[in-house]
N, C-alpha and C. Protein backbone atom coordinates (compact mmCIF):
# COMPACT_ATOMS: atom_id res chain seq x y z
N MET A 1 309.26 -39.08 184.20
CA MET A 1 308.22 -39.20 185.20
C MET A 1 307.45 -37.88 185.37
N GLU A 2 308.19 -36.77 185.43
CA GLU A 2 307.57 -35.46 185.60
C GLU A 2 306.64 -35.15 184.42
N TYR A 3 307.05 -35.56 183.21
CA TYR A 3 306.25 -35.35 182.02
C TYR A 3 304.91 -36.09 182.12
N LYS A 4 304.93 -37.31 182.63
CA LYS A 4 303.71 -38.10 182.77
C LYS A 4 302.75 -37.46 183.77
N ILE A 5 303.29 -36.90 184.84
CA ILE A 5 302.44 -36.22 185.83
C ILE A 5 301.79 -34.99 185.22
N LYS A 6 302.56 -34.21 184.47
CA LYS A 6 302.01 -33.01 183.82
C LYS A 6 300.92 -33.39 182.82
N MET A 7 301.17 -34.47 182.07
CA MET A 7 300.17 -34.93 181.11
C MET A 7 298.88 -35.40 181.81
N ALA A 8 299.06 -36.08 182.93
CA ALA A 8 297.89 -36.55 183.69
C ALA A 8 297.06 -35.37 184.17
N PHE A 9 297.73 -34.33 184.72
CA PHE A 9 297.00 -33.15 185.19
C PHE A 9 296.32 -32.42 184.02
N ALA A 10 297.00 -32.37 182.88
CA ALA A 10 296.41 -31.72 181.70
C ALA A 10 295.15 -32.47 181.26
N LEU A 11 295.22 -33.79 181.23
CA LEU A 11 294.05 -34.58 180.83
C LEU A 11 292.91 -34.44 181.82
N ILE A 12 293.23 -34.40 183.11
CA ILE A 12 292.20 -34.19 184.13
C ILE A 12 291.56 -32.82 183.95
N GLY A 13 292.38 -31.81 183.69
CA GLY A 13 291.87 -30.45 183.47
C GLY A 13 290.94 -30.38 182.28
N ILE A 14 291.33 -31.01 181.18
CA ILE A 14 290.49 -31.03 179.98
C ILE A 14 289.19 -31.77 180.26
N GLY A 15 289.28 -32.87 180.99
CA GLY A 15 288.07 -33.62 181.36
C GLY A 15 287.12 -32.79 182.21
N LEU A 16 287.66 -32.04 183.17
CA LEU A 16 286.82 -31.19 184.02
C LEU A 16 286.15 -30.09 183.22
N ILE A 17 286.90 -29.48 182.31
CA ILE A 17 286.31 -28.43 181.47
C ILE A 17 285.18 -29.00 180.63
N PHE A 18 285.39 -30.16 180.03
CA PHE A 18 284.35 -30.81 179.23
C PHE A 18 283.13 -31.12 180.09
N PHE A 19 283.34 -31.65 181.30
CA PHE A 19 282.25 -32.00 182.20
C PHE A 19 281.45 -30.77 182.60
N ILE A 20 282.12 -29.68 182.95
CA ILE A 20 281.44 -28.44 183.35
C ILE A 20 280.65 -27.88 182.18
N ASN A 21 281.23 -27.86 180.98
CA ASN A 21 280.51 -27.35 179.82
C ASN A 21 279.30 -28.21 179.48
N THR A 22 279.40 -29.52 179.68
CA THR A 22 278.27 -30.40 179.44
C THR A 22 277.13 -30.09 180.40
N ILE A 23 277.45 -29.84 181.67
CA ILE A 23 276.42 -29.50 182.65
C ILE A 23 275.75 -28.19 182.26
N ASN A 24 276.52 -27.17 181.89
CA ASN A 24 275.96 -25.87 181.54
C ASN A 24 275.16 -25.92 180.25
N ALA A 25 275.47 -26.85 179.36
CA ALA A 25 274.81 -26.91 178.07
C ALA A 25 273.55 -27.76 178.10
N GLN A 26 273.19 -28.32 179.25
CA GLN A 26 272.00 -29.15 179.31
C GLN A 26 270.78 -28.32 178.93
N LYS A 27 269.93 -28.92 178.15
CA LYS A 27 268.73 -28.24 177.66
C LYS A 27 267.60 -28.35 178.67
N ILE A 28 266.78 -27.34 178.68
CA ILE A 28 265.59 -27.34 179.52
C ILE A 28 264.49 -28.06 178.74
N ASP A 29 263.85 -29.00 179.38
CA ASP A 29 262.74 -29.72 178.74
C ASP A 29 261.51 -28.82 178.81
N LYS A 30 261.06 -28.39 177.65
CA LYS A 30 259.93 -27.47 177.55
C LYS A 30 258.69 -28.00 178.27
N THR A 31 258.50 -29.31 178.25
CA THR A 31 257.30 -29.89 178.86
C THR A 31 257.28 -29.67 180.38
N ASN A 32 258.45 -29.46 180.99
CA ASN A 32 258.49 -29.18 182.43
C ASN A 32 257.88 -27.83 182.78
N LEU A 33 257.71 -26.97 181.79
CA LEU A 33 257.13 -25.65 182.04
C LEU A 33 255.60 -25.66 181.96
N PHE A 34 255.02 -26.70 181.35
CA PHE A 34 253.57 -26.76 181.16
C PHE A 34 252.90 -26.95 182.51
N GLU A 35 252.63 -25.86 183.17
CA GLU A 35 252.14 -25.90 184.56
C GLU A 35 251.57 -24.54 184.92
N ILE A 36 250.79 -24.52 185.97
CA ILE A 36 250.39 -23.25 186.58
C ILE A 36 251.39 -23.00 187.70
N TRP A 37 252.15 -21.92 187.58
CA TRP A 37 253.19 -21.58 188.55
C TRP A 37 252.70 -20.44 189.43
N HIS A 38 252.54 -20.73 190.72
CA HIS A 38 252.03 -19.76 191.69
C HIS A 38 253.17 -19.00 192.34
N LEU A 39 253.03 -17.68 192.42
CA LEU A 39 254.06 -16.86 193.05
C LEU A 39 254.22 -17.27 194.51
N ASN A 40 255.45 -17.55 194.90
CA ASN A 40 255.74 -17.98 196.26
C ASN A 40 256.54 -16.94 197.04
N SER A 41 257.61 -16.42 196.43
CA SER A 41 258.47 -15.47 197.15
C SER A 41 259.41 -14.77 196.18
N TYR A 42 260.15 -13.82 196.75
CA TYR A 42 261.20 -13.13 196.02
C TYR A 42 262.50 -13.34 196.77
N LYS A 43 263.59 -13.49 196.02
CA LYS A 43 264.90 -13.61 196.65
C LYS A 43 265.79 -12.48 196.15
N ILE A 44 266.37 -11.77 197.10
CA ILE A 44 267.35 -10.75 196.78
C ILE A 44 268.60 -11.13 197.55
N LYS A 45 269.64 -11.48 196.79
CA LYS A 45 270.86 -12.06 197.37
C LYS A 45 270.45 -13.30 198.16
N SER A 46 270.71 -13.37 199.45
CA SER A 46 270.36 -14.57 200.21
C SER A 46 269.09 -14.39 201.04
N LYS A 47 268.44 -13.24 200.90
CA LYS A 47 267.26 -12.96 201.70
C LYS A 47 265.99 -13.22 200.90
N GLU A 48 265.00 -13.84 201.56
CA GLU A 48 263.74 -14.19 200.90
C GLU A 48 262.61 -13.31 201.44
N TYR A 49 261.73 -12.87 200.54
CA TYR A 49 260.62 -11.99 200.90
C TYR A 49 259.31 -12.59 200.40
N SER A 50 258.27 -12.45 201.20
CA SER A 50 256.93 -12.91 200.81
C SER A 50 256.29 -11.88 199.89
N PRO A 51 255.40 -12.34 199.00
CA PRO A 51 254.67 -11.39 198.15
C PRO A 51 253.73 -10.52 198.98
N SER A 52 253.39 -9.37 198.44
CA SER A 52 252.45 -8.48 199.12
C SER A 52 251.04 -9.10 199.08
N LYS A 53 250.12 -8.53 199.83
CA LYS A 53 248.74 -9.03 199.84
C LYS A 53 248.13 -8.98 198.44
N LYS A 54 248.45 -7.93 197.66
CA LYS A 54 247.92 -7.79 196.30
C LYS A 54 248.42 -8.90 195.38
N GLU A 55 249.60 -9.46 195.70
CA GLU A 55 250.21 -10.47 194.85
C GLU A 55 249.93 -11.90 195.31
N LYS A 56 249.17 -12.05 196.35
CA LYS A 56 248.97 -13.35 196.99
C LYS A 56 248.51 -14.44 196.03
N ASN A 57 247.68 -14.11 195.05
CA ASN A 57 247.16 -15.11 194.11
C ASN A 57 247.75 -15.00 192.72
N ASP A 58 248.92 -14.37 192.59
CA ASP A 58 249.56 -14.22 191.28
C ASP A 58 250.06 -15.56 190.75
N TYR A 59 250.03 -15.71 189.45
CA TYR A 59 250.51 -16.94 188.83
C TYR A 59 250.87 -16.71 187.37
N ILE A 60 251.57 -17.67 186.78
CA ILE A 60 251.79 -17.76 185.33
C ILE A 60 251.44 -19.19 184.93
N HIS A 61 250.63 -19.31 183.90
CA HIS A 61 250.28 -20.63 183.38
C HIS A 61 250.84 -20.74 181.97
N PHE A 62 251.88 -21.56 181.81
CA PHE A 62 252.46 -21.83 180.50
C PHE A 62 251.74 -23.04 179.91
N LYS A 63 251.05 -22.81 178.80
CA LYS A 63 250.27 -23.88 178.18
C LYS A 63 251.05 -24.56 177.05
N GLU A 64 250.67 -25.80 176.79
CA GLU A 64 251.34 -26.61 175.76
C GLU A 64 251.23 -26.01 174.36
N ASP A 65 250.18 -25.25 174.10
CA ASP A 65 249.99 -24.68 172.76
C ASP A 65 250.81 -23.40 172.54
N GLY A 66 251.69 -23.05 173.49
CA GLY A 66 252.55 -21.87 173.34
C GLY A 66 251.90 -20.58 173.79
N THR A 67 250.78 -20.68 174.48
CA THR A 67 250.14 -19.49 175.04
C THR A 67 250.33 -19.47 176.55
N PHE A 68 250.12 -18.31 177.14
CA PHE A 68 250.19 -18.20 178.59
C PHE A 68 249.06 -17.32 179.10
N VAL A 69 248.74 -17.52 180.36
CA VAL A 69 247.83 -16.66 181.10
C VAL A 69 248.56 -16.32 182.38
N SER A 70 248.58 -15.05 182.73
CA SER A 70 249.20 -14.67 183.99
C SER A 70 248.28 -13.74 184.76
N LYS A 71 248.42 -13.80 186.06
CA LYS A 71 247.68 -12.91 186.93
C LYS A 71 248.70 -12.19 187.80
N SER A 72 248.68 -10.87 187.74
CA SER A 72 249.59 -10.05 188.52
C SER A 72 248.81 -8.92 189.16
N GLU A 73 248.72 -8.97 190.48
CA GLU A 73 247.97 -7.96 191.24
C GLU A 73 246.56 -7.79 190.69
N ASN A 74 245.87 -8.90 190.50
CA ASN A 74 244.49 -8.98 190.03
C ASN A 74 244.30 -8.57 188.57
N THR A 75 245.38 -8.40 187.82
CA THR A 75 245.28 -8.09 186.39
C THR A 75 245.66 -9.35 185.61
N ILE A 76 244.75 -9.77 184.72
CA ILE A 76 244.98 -10.96 183.89
C ILE A 76 245.60 -10.51 182.57
N GLU A 77 246.67 -11.21 182.16
CA GLU A 77 247.29 -10.98 180.86
C GLU A 77 247.36 -12.30 180.12
N THR A 78 247.27 -12.24 178.81
CA THR A 78 247.40 -13.42 177.98
C THR A 78 248.36 -13.11 176.84
N GLY A 79 248.88 -14.16 176.24
CA GLY A 79 249.79 -13.98 175.12
C GLY A 79 250.43 -15.28 174.73
N THR A 80 251.58 -15.19 174.06
CA THR A 80 252.32 -16.36 173.65
C THR A 80 253.69 -16.38 174.34
N TRP A 81 254.28 -17.57 174.38
CA TRP A 81 255.60 -17.69 174.99
C TRP A 81 256.47 -18.61 174.15
N ILE A 82 257.78 -18.35 174.23
CA ILE A 82 258.77 -19.13 173.50
C ILE A 82 259.91 -19.43 174.46
N LEU A 83 260.36 -20.68 174.47
CA LEU A 83 261.53 -21.05 175.26
C LEU A 83 262.76 -20.94 174.38
N ASN A 84 263.75 -20.16 174.81
CA ASN A 84 265.03 -20.08 174.13
C ASN A 84 266.02 -20.88 174.95
N ASN A 85 266.29 -22.11 174.51
CA ASN A 85 267.18 -23.00 175.24
C ASN A 85 268.62 -22.50 175.26
N ASN A 86 269.08 -21.91 174.16
CA ASN A 86 270.47 -21.45 174.10
C ASN A 86 270.72 -20.33 175.09
N GLY A 87 269.75 -19.43 175.23
CA GLY A 87 269.91 -18.32 176.16
C GLY A 87 269.38 -18.62 177.55
N GLY A 88 268.64 -19.74 177.69
CA GLY A 88 268.09 -20.11 178.99
C GLY A 88 267.01 -19.17 179.48
N TYR A 89 266.17 -18.71 178.56
CA TYR A 89 265.11 -17.80 178.97
C TYR A 89 263.79 -18.11 178.27
N ILE A 90 262.74 -17.53 178.85
CA ILE A 90 261.40 -17.59 178.27
C ILE A 90 261.08 -16.19 177.78
N LEU A 91 260.64 -16.08 176.54
CA LEU A 91 260.21 -14.81 175.99
C LEU A 91 258.69 -14.83 175.96
N MET A 92 258.07 -13.89 176.68
CA MET A 92 256.61 -13.79 176.71
C MET A 92 256.18 -12.55 175.94
N ILE A 93 255.21 -12.75 175.04
CA ILE A 93 254.69 -11.67 174.22
C ILE A 93 253.21 -11.56 174.51
N ASP A 94 252.80 -10.45 175.12
CA ASP A 94 251.38 -10.33 175.47
C ASP A 94 250.55 -9.91 174.27
N ASP A 95 249.26 -9.84 174.46
CA ASP A 95 248.34 -9.53 173.36
C ASP A 95 248.50 -8.12 172.81
N ASN A 96 249.25 -7.27 173.53
CA ASN A 96 249.54 -5.91 173.05
C ASN A 96 250.91 -5.83 172.38
N ASP A 97 251.51 -7.01 172.11
CA ASP A 97 252.84 -7.14 171.50
C ASP A 97 253.97 -6.59 172.37
N GLU A 98 253.74 -6.48 173.67
CA GLU A 98 254.81 -6.12 174.59
C GLU A 98 255.52 -7.41 174.99
N THR A 99 256.85 -7.35 175.06
CA THR A 99 257.62 -8.55 175.38
C THR A 99 258.33 -8.40 176.71
N ILE A 100 258.53 -9.53 177.35
CA ILE A 100 259.34 -9.59 178.56
C ILE A 100 260.14 -10.89 178.51
N LYS A 101 261.40 -10.76 178.88
CA LYS A 101 262.30 -11.90 178.90
C LYS A 101 262.50 -12.30 180.36
N ALA A 102 262.37 -13.60 180.63
CA ALA A 102 262.57 -14.13 181.98
C ALA A 102 263.60 -15.25 181.91
N TYR A 103 264.76 -15.03 182.53
CA TYR A 103 265.81 -16.05 182.56
C TYR A 103 265.45 -17.13 183.57
N ILE A 104 265.64 -18.37 183.18
CA ILE A 104 265.36 -19.50 184.07
C ILE A 104 266.59 -19.75 184.94
N VAL A 105 266.45 -19.43 186.22
CA VAL A 105 267.52 -19.67 187.18
C VAL A 105 267.52 -21.13 187.59
N SER A 106 266.30 -21.67 187.81
CA SER A 106 266.16 -23.05 188.26
C SER A 106 264.78 -23.55 187.87
N LEU A 107 264.72 -24.84 187.53
CA LEU A 107 263.44 -25.47 187.19
C LEU A 107 263.45 -26.90 187.71
N SER A 108 262.46 -27.21 188.51
CA SER A 108 262.27 -28.58 188.98
C SER A 108 260.78 -28.90 188.89
N PHE A 109 260.40 -30.09 189.33
CA PHE A 109 259.00 -30.50 189.28
C PHE A 109 258.11 -29.53 190.04
N GLU A 110 258.56 -29.02 191.17
CA GLU A 110 257.73 -28.17 192.01
C GLU A 110 258.10 -26.71 192.01
N ASN A 111 259.30 -26.34 191.55
CA ASN A 111 259.76 -24.96 191.66
C ASN A 111 260.27 -24.42 190.33
N LEU A 112 259.97 -23.15 190.10
CA LEU A 112 260.49 -22.41 188.96
C LEU A 112 261.01 -21.09 189.51
N ILE A 113 262.27 -20.80 189.26
CA ILE A 113 262.84 -19.54 189.70
C ILE A 113 263.24 -18.76 188.45
N LEU A 114 262.70 -17.55 188.33
CA LEU A 114 262.94 -16.70 187.18
C LEU A 114 263.61 -15.40 187.61
N ARG A 115 264.41 -14.86 186.70
CA ARG A 115 264.98 -13.52 186.88
C ARG A 115 264.57 -12.73 185.65
N PHE A 116 263.69 -11.75 185.85
CA PHE A 116 263.13 -10.99 184.75
C PHE A 116 264.12 -9.95 184.25
N ASP A 117 264.18 -9.79 182.94
CA ASP A 117 265.08 -8.82 182.31
C ASP A 117 264.43 -7.44 182.30
N VAL A 118 264.23 -6.93 183.52
CA VAL A 118 263.63 -5.61 183.73
C VAL A 118 264.57 -4.86 184.66
N ALA A 119 265.00 -3.67 184.25
CA ALA A 119 266.04 -2.94 184.97
C ALA A 119 265.76 -2.81 186.47
N GLU A 120 264.53 -2.50 186.84
CA GLU A 120 264.21 -2.24 188.25
C GLU A 120 264.29 -3.48 189.13
N ILE A 121 264.14 -4.66 188.54
CA ILE A 121 264.13 -5.89 189.36
C ILE A 121 265.14 -6.92 188.86
N LYS A 122 266.17 -6.48 188.18
CA LYS A 122 267.14 -7.40 187.58
C LYS A 122 267.82 -8.31 188.59
N GLU A 123 268.01 -7.84 189.81
CA GLU A 123 268.69 -8.63 190.84
C GLU A 123 267.74 -9.50 191.66
N VAL A 124 266.46 -9.45 191.34
CA VAL A 124 265.44 -10.18 192.10
C VAL A 124 265.16 -11.51 191.42
N LYS A 125 265.19 -12.58 192.19
CA LYS A 125 264.79 -13.89 191.69
C LYS A 125 263.36 -14.12 192.16
N VAL A 126 262.49 -14.45 191.23
CA VAL A 126 261.08 -14.66 191.54
C VAL A 126 260.83 -16.17 191.61
N VAL A 127 260.35 -16.61 192.78
CA VAL A 127 260.18 -18.03 193.03
C VAL A 127 258.70 -18.41 192.89
N TYR A 128 258.45 -19.40 192.02
CA TYR A 128 257.11 -19.92 191.80
C TYR A 128 257.06 -21.39 192.24
N ASN A 129 255.89 -21.82 192.68
CA ASN A 129 255.65 -23.22 193.01
C ASN A 129 254.53 -23.74 192.14
N SER A 130 254.62 -25.02 191.77
CA SER A 130 253.58 -25.60 190.94
C SER A 130 252.39 -26.06 191.76
N HIS A 131 252.58 -26.24 193.06
CA HIS A 131 251.48 -26.68 193.92
C HIS A 131 251.39 -25.74 195.12
N LEU A 132 250.19 -25.37 195.44
CA LEU A 132 249.99 -24.48 196.60
C LEU A 132 250.09 -25.25 197.90
């Protein structure tokens, strides 16, 4: 009887591990990114901050053709972007061949939360909305 109980717990454990790995391995649908994402806020730990006045109209537009347009503090940048599903990030390459990696923390129909791979803001989650 004790053997059967141990086997049952082992099978439940294996099932849970498989279930958790399946959730983590889910792929991001690239088409969900084809949107103009407007800067909404910043999150540091559990605290949320509004963008500065200079950033009020900032956005990133990921286009279907693999290009992007972004506005940051009234400066427009353009370039190409690639979704890396295995790493869960977007790699953006601007027209000057400078790259920035943005990890996708969360993606839904209305919200995109990114964590940029930049030393000064690594702990900051940047929240974008698809609709103003």
